[in-house]
Amino acid sequence: MLRAIEYGLLGWILASLASKERPRPLHFALAGTAIGAVFGGGITVLTIETAAVNGIALELPRAITTGLNEIVFPIGCALVVYIALQVGRHMKMISGEVR
């Protein structure tokens, strides 16, 4: 449920950034960072706690990689959306669809 909220909110933020006349990659990266830090941190803590409740001790390297993945992945997603947006805009210029 938390991940659905995370990516729903990220999608909404990225859509609002994409609608701007001149979107900046930094804004997309910051949106991914903010979402990743808030939700990724929470998901990491829940993962560690769930493992502990089930009697599984999550090793430190695995906990760290889980945290990094949960934080960095939304940043990558945001930058992929930015790149796709730019490619789409440049393809319109190449095909002559820009007015």
Protein backbone atom coordinates (compact mmCIF):
# COMPACT_ATOMS: atom_id res chain seq x y z
CA MET A 1 0.00 0.00 0.00
CA LEU A 2 2.83 2.36 0.89
CA ARG A 3 4.56 1.75 -2.45
CA ALA A 4 1.31 2.49 -4.33
CA ILE A 5 1.01 5.82 -2.54
CA GLU A 6 4.71 6.51 -3.18
CA TYR A 7 4.54 6.03 -6.93
CA GLY A 8 1.12 7.61 -7.26
CA LEU A 9 2.44 10.76 -5.61
CA LEU A 10 5.67 10.64 -7.62
CA GLY A 11 3.67 10.31 -10.84
CA TRP A 12 1.47 13.25 -9.92
CA ILE A 13 4.51 15.43 -9.11
CA LEU A 14 6.30 14.42 -12.32
CA ALA A 15 3.18 15.11 -14.39
CA SER A 16 2.99 18.60 -12.92
CA LEU A 17 6.69 19.17 -13.65
CA ALA A 18 6.27 17.85 -17.21
CA SER A 19 3.49 20.34 -17.88
CA LYS A 20 5.85 23.27 -17.34
CA GLU A 21 7.16 25.13 -20.38
CA ARG A 22 10.83 24.40 -19.64
CA PRO A 23 11.16 21.57 -17.13
CA ARG A 24 14.56 21.17 -15.49
CA PRO A 25 16.27 17.85 -14.77
CA LEU A 26 17.19 19.08 -11.29
CA HIS A 27 13.52 19.47 -10.40
CA PHE A 28 12.81 15.90 -11.51
CA ALA A 29 15.81 14.59 -9.55
CA LEU A 30 14.77 16.53 -6.44
CA ALA A 31 11.23 15.17 -6.67
CA GLY A 32 12.59 11.63 -6.88
CA THR A 33 14.96 12.31 -3.99
CA ALA A 34 12.23 13.69 -1.75
CA ILE A 35 9.83 10.84 -2.49
CA GLY A 36 12.62 8.27 -2.15
CA ALA A 37 13.80 9.66 1.17
CA VAL A 38 10.35 9.81 2.73
CA PHE A 39 8.80 6.62 1.39
CA GLY A 40 11.99 4.64 0.82
CA GLY A 41 13.05 5.21 4.38
CA GLY A 42 9.68 4.04 5.62
CA ILE A 43 9.65 0.98 3.41
CA THR A 44 13.17 0.08 4.53
CA VAL A 45 12.21 0.32 8.20
CA LEU A 46 9.07 -1.76 7.56
CA THR A 47 11.13 -4.38 5.72
CA ILE A 48 13.59 -4.67 8.60
CA GLU A 49 10.79 -4.79 11.19
CA THR A 50 8.81 -7.38 9.23
CA ALA A 51 11.89 -9.59 8.94
CA ALA A 52 12.48 -9.28 12.70
CA VAL A 53 8.87 -10.17 13.51
CA ASN A 54 9.22 -13.29 11.34
CA GLY A 55 12.39 -14.26 13.21
CA ILE A 56 14.76 -13.34 10.40
CA ALA A 57 17.68 -11.08 11.19
CA LEU A 58 18.30 -8.90 8.16
CA GLU A 59 22.06 -8.63 7.68
CA LEU A 60 23.52 -5.12 7.63
CA PRO A 61 24.65 -5.26 3.98
CA ARG A 62 21.18 -6.39 2.91
CA ALA A 63 19.51 -3.67 4.99
CA ILE A 64 21.80 -1.04 3.45
CA THR A 65 21.21 -2.22 -0.10
CA THR A 66 17.46 -2.34 0.51
CA GLY A 67 17.56 1.23 1.78
CA LEU A 68 19.68 2.46 -1.11
CA ASN A 69 17.43 0.75 -3.63
CA GLU A 70 14.29 2.23 -2.08
CA ILE A 71 15.80 5.72 -2.09
CA VAL A 72 17.66 5.71 -5.42
CA PHE A 73 15.04 3.95 -7.58
CA PRO A 74 12.52 6.85 -7.50
CA ILE A 75 15.32 9.23 -8.54
CA GLY A 76 16.09 7.02 -11.53
CA CYS A 77 12.40 6.81 -12.42
CA ALA A 78 12.08 10.60 -12.29
CA LEU A 79 15.11 11.09 -14.53
CA VAL A 80 13.84 8.50 -17.03
CA VAL A 81 10.57 10.42 -17.24
CA TYR A 82 12.52 13.65 -17.82
CA ILE A 83 14.62 12.04 -20.57
CA ALA A 84 11.53 10.56 -22.24
CA LEU A 85 9.87 13.97 -22.11
CA GLN A 86 12.88 15.60 -23.77
CA VAL A 87 13.14 12.90 -26.44
CA GLY A 88 9.44 13.35 -27.20
CA ARG A 89 9.82 17.10 -27.51
CA HIS A 90 12.86 16.80 -29.78
CA MET A 91 11.14 14.22 -31.96
CA LYS A 92 8.33 16.72 -32.51
CA MET A 93 10.92 19.28 -33.61
CA ILE A 94 12.53 16.81 -36.00
CA SER A 95 9.24 15.76 -37.55
CA GLY A 96 8.10 19.38 -37.89
CA GLU A 97 5.13 19.16 -35.55
CA VAL A 98 6.21 22.14 -33.45
CA ARG A 99 4.08 25.20 -34.03
